[in-house]
């Protein structure tokens, strides 16, 4: 068995990578919303914080009732209990990655976890 996985992701509305990459410690999704579209539900999590990377376009997130404007290059971390909903701007699509990890689970950062071979 190989020590890596590779997949190419198209422009689908949502692609979840947990099965495609055999992820064991995180959930990652790639999301594309057309201009004026939004995620049709508000959600929160029990244990997982979410980290969002805005790849292209613009839009907004409403987090616990507060509107946060989003643009390409922005990164956003949201605590598990926060209620959130995302949408694209009326005049721009938005593409983003969402990374879910269990809050408080990071045991070491890159330099502390790396081994020089």
C-alpha atoms as a PDB file:
ATOM      1  CA  UNK A   1       0.000   0.000   0.000  1.00  0.00           C
ATOM      2  CA  UNK A   2       1.211   3.479  -0.860  1.00  0.00           C
ATOM      3  CA  UNK A   3       1.977   6.151   1.719  1.00  0.00           C
ATOM      4  CA  UNK A   4       0.065   8.813  -0.208  1.00  0.00           C
ATOM      5  CA  UNK A   5      -3.204   9.462  -2.051  1.00  0.00           C
ATOM      6  CA  UNK A   6      -3.879  11.829  -4.944  1.00  0.00           C
ATOM      7  CA  UNK A   7      -7.146  12.980  -6.461  1.00  0.00           C
ATOM      8  CA  UNK A   8      -8.167  15.681  -8.936  1.00  0.00           C
ATOM      9  CA  UNK A   9     -11.194  17.732  -7.978  1.00  0.00           C
ATOM     10  CA  UNK A  10     -13.383  19.368 -10.617  1.00  0.00           C
ATOM     11  CA  UNK A  11     -15.862  22.197 -10.246  1.00  0.00           C
ATOM     12  CA  UNK A  12     -18.689  20.248  -8.578  1.00  0.00           C
ATOM     13  CA  UNK A  13     -20.780  22.158  -6.045  1.00  0.00           C
ATOM     14  CA  UNK A  14     -19.230  20.115  -3.204  1.00  0.00           C
ATOM     15  CA  UNK A  15     -16.598  17.400  -3.098  1.00  0.00           C
ATOM     16  CA  UNK A  16     -15.836  15.653   0.205  1.00  0.00           C
ATOM     17  CA  UNK A  17     -12.346  14.186   0.339  1.00  0.00           C
ATOM     18  CA  UNK A  18     -12.592  11.807   3.321  1.00  0.00           C
ATOM     19  CA  UNK A  19     -13.254   8.747   1.132  1.00  0.00           C
ATOM     20  CA  UNK A  20     -11.351   9.906  -1.960  1.00  0.00           C
ATOM     21  CA  UNK A  21      -8.104  10.411   0.028  1.00  0.00           C
ATOM     22  CA  UNK A  22      -8.733   7.899   2.869  1.00  0.00           C
ATOM     23  CA  UNK A  23      -8.482  10.670   5.470  1.00  0.00           C
ATOM     24  CA  UNK A  24      -8.205   9.579   9.117  1.00  0.00           C
ATOM     25  CA  UNK A  25      -7.711  12.819  11.057  1.00  0.00           C
ATOM     26  CA  UNK A  26      -9.614  15.526   9.196  1.00  0.00           C
ATOM     27  CA  UNK A  27     -12.570  16.128   6.916  1.00  0.00           C
ATOM     28  CA  UNK A  28     -11.886  18.359   3.923  1.00  0.00           C
ATOM     29  CA  UNK A  29     -14.383  19.565   1.354  1.00  0.00           C
ATOM     30  CA  UNK A  30     -14.011  21.679  -1.770  1.00  0.00           C
ATOM     31  CA  UNK A  31     -17.017  23.949  -2.355  1.00  0.00           C
ATOM     32  CA  UNK A  32     -18.169  26.073  -5.302  1.00  0.00           C
ATOM     33  CA  UNK A  33     -21.203  28.349  -5.098  1.00  0.00           C
ATOM     34  CA  UNK A  34     -22.449  30.309  -8.117  1.00  0.00           C
ATOM     35  CA  UNK A  35     -23.106  34.052  -7.804  1.00  0.00           C
ATOM     36  CA  UNK A  36     -26.109  34.708  -5.574  1.00  0.00           C
ATOM     37  CA  UNK A  37     -26.288  31.136  -4.228  1.00  0.00           C
ATOM     38  CA  UNK A  38     -25.918  30.054  -0.635  1.00  0.00           C
ATOM     39  CA  UNK A  39     -25.720  26.985   1.554  1.00  0.00           C
ATOM     40  CA  UNK A  40     -29.407  26.302   2.327  1.00  0.00           C
ATOM     41  CA  UNK A  41     -28.971  25.648   6.052  1.00  0.00           C
ATOM     42  CA  UNK A  42     -27.383  27.046   9.213  1.00  0.00           C
ATOM     43  CA  UNK A  43     -25.189  24.568  11.078  1.00  0.00           C
ATOM     44  CA  UNK A  44     -22.827  24.107  14.002  1.00  0.00           C
ATOM     45  CA  UNK A  45     -20.740  21.182  15.228  1.00  0.00           C
ATOM     46  CA  UNK A  46     -20.422  19.149  18.407  1.00  0.00           C
ATOM     47  CA  UNK A  47     -16.615  18.725  18.368  1.00  0.00           C
ATOM     48  CA  UNK A  48     -15.125  19.943  15.093  1.00  0.00           C
ATOM     49  CA  UNK A  49     -13.722  23.385  14.440  1.00  0.00           C
ATOM     50  CA  UNK A  50     -13.702  24.447  10.802  1.00  0.00           C
ATOM     51  CA  UNK A  51     -11.006  26.280   8.884  1.00  0.00           C
ATOM     52  CA  UNK A  52     -12.045  27.902   5.618  1.00  0.00           C
ATOM     53  CA  UNK A  53      -9.714  29.003   2.810  1.00  0.00           C
ATOM     54  CA  UNK A  54     -11.312  31.251   0.188  1.00  0.00           C
ATOM     55  CA  UNK A  55      -9.756  30.247  -3.134  1.00  0.00           C
ATOM     56  CA  UNK A  56     -11.594  32.542  -5.546  1.00  0.00           C
ATOM     57  CA  UNK A  57     -14.462  35.001  -5.697  1.00  0.00           C
ATOM     58  CA  UNK A  58     -16.278  36.683  -2.852  1.00  0.00           C
ATOM     59  CA  UNK A  59     -19.182  36.180  -0.521  1.00  0.00           C
ATOM     60  CA  UNK A  60     -20.060  36.187   3.131  1.00  0.00           C
ATOM     61  CA  UNK A  61     -20.447  34.014   6.182  1.00  0.00           C
ATOM     62  CA  UNK A  62     -23.036  34.745   8.841  1.00  0.00           C
ATOM     63  CA  UNK A  63     -21.582  33.484  12.124  1.00  0.00           C
ATOM     64  CA  UNK A  64     -23.716  33.744  15.270  1.00  0.00           C
ATOM     65  CA  UNK A  65     -25.648  36.549  13.545  1.00  0.00           C
ATOM     66  CA  UNK A  66     -22.521  38.523  12.545  1.00  0.00           C
ATOM     67  CA  UNK A  67     -21.800  39.004   8.830  1.00  0.00           C
ATOM     68  CA  UNK A  68     -18.188  38.398   7.792  1.00  0.00           C
ATOM     69  CA  UNK A  69     -17.231  39.479   4.259  1.00  0.00           C
ATOM     70  CA  UNK A  70     -15.062  36.934   2.417  1.00  0.00           C
ATOM     71  CA  UNK A  71     -12.634  37.417  -0.479  1.00  0.00           C
ATOM     72  CA  UNK A  72     -10.037  35.302  -2.273  1.00  0.00           C
ATOM     73  CA  UNK A  73      -7.024  34.815   0.001  1.00  0.00           C
ATOM     74  CA  UNK A  74      -8.998  35.026   3.264  1.00  0.00           C
ATOM     75  CA  UNK A  75      -8.719  32.328   5.919  1.00  0.00           C
ATOM     76  CA  UNK A  76     -11.347  31.872   8.633  1.00  0.00           C
ATOM     77  CA  UNK A  77     -11.511  29.635  11.715  1.00  0.00           C
ATOM     78  CA  UNK A  78     -14.878  28.924  13.332  1.00  0.00           C
ATOM     79  CA  UNK A  79     -15.357  27.308  16.760  1.00  0.00           C
ATOM     80  CA  UNK A  80     -17.551  24.191  16.901  1.00  0.00           C
ATOM     81  CA  UNK A  81     -20.569  25.759  18.654  1.00  0.00           C
ATOM     82  CA  UNK A  82     -20.834  28.798  16.365  1.00  0.00           C
ATOM     83  CA  UNK A  83     -23.864  28.807  14.076  1.00  0.00           C
ATOM     84  CA  UNK A  84     -22.734  29.464  10.488  1.00  0.00           C
ATOM     85  CA  UNK A  85     -24.032  29.839   6.951  1.00  0.00           C
ATOM     86  CA  UNK A  86     -22.146  30.726   3.741  1.00  0.00           C
ATOM     87  CA  UNK A  87     -23.194  32.425   0.511  1.00  0.00           C
ATOM     88  CA  UNK A  88     -21.642  33.836  -2.642  1.00  0.00           C
ATOM     89  CA  UNK A  89     -21.892  37.535  -3.456  1.00  0.00           C
ATOM     90  CA  UNK A  90     -24.709  38.528  -5.813  1.00  0.00           C
ATOM     91  CA  UNK A  91     -22.189  39.383  -8.529  1.00  0.00           C
ATOM     92  CA  UNK A  92     -19.483  36.753  -7.896  1.00  0.00           C
ATOM     93  CA  UNK A  93     -19.211  33.010  -7.434  1.00  0.00           C
ATOM     94  CA  UNK A  94     -17.111  31.764  -4.523  1.00  0.00           C
ATOM     95  CA  UNK A  95     -14.809  28.742  -4.225  1.00  0.00           C
ATOM     96  CA  UNK A  96     -13.520  27.605  -0.864  1.00  0.00           C
ATOM     97  CA  UNK A  97     -12.008  24.710   1.039  1.00  0.00           C
ATOM     98  CA  UNK A  98     -13.392  23.684   4.422  1.00  0.00           C
ATOM     99  CA  UNK A  99     -11.160  21.691   6.785  1.00  0.00           C
ATOM    100  CA  UNK A 100     -12.785  20.090   9.834  1.00  0.00           C
ATOM    101  CA  UNK A 101     -10.686  18.849  12.742  1.00  0.00           C
ATOM    102  CA  UNK A 102     -11.520  17.990  16.321  1.00  0.00           C
ATOM    103  CA  UNK A 103     -11.006  21.107  18.428  1.00  0.00           C
ATOM    104  CA  UNK A 104      -8.024  20.819  20.776  1.00  0.00           C
ATOM    105  CA  UNK A 105      -6.640  17.693  19.089  1.00  0.00           C
ATOM    106  CA  UNK A 106      -3.371  19.071  17.672  1.00  0.00           C
ATOM    107  CA  UNK A 107      -0.532  17.380  19.539  1.00  0.00           C
ATOM    108  CA  UNK A 108       2.448  19.007  17.834  1.00  0.00           C
ATOM    109  CA  UNK A 109       3.203  21.560  15.153  1.00  0.00           C
ATOM    110  CA  UNK A 110       5.237  20.816  12.032  1.00  0.00           C
ATOM    111  CA  UNK A 111       8.707  21.419  13.518  1.00  0.00           C
ATOM    112  CA  UNK A 112       7.916  19.372  16.650  1.00  0.00           C
ATOM    113  CA  UNK A 113       6.296  16.502  14.740  1.00  0.00           C
ATOM    114  CA  UNK A 114       8.800  16.254  11.852  1.00  0.00           C
ATOM    115  CA  UNK A 115      11.608  13.724  11.628  1.00  0.00           C
ATOM    116  CA  UNK A 116      14.688  14.450   9.506  1.00  0.00           C
ATOM    117  CA  UNK A 117      15.511  11.286   7.552  1.00  0.00           C
END
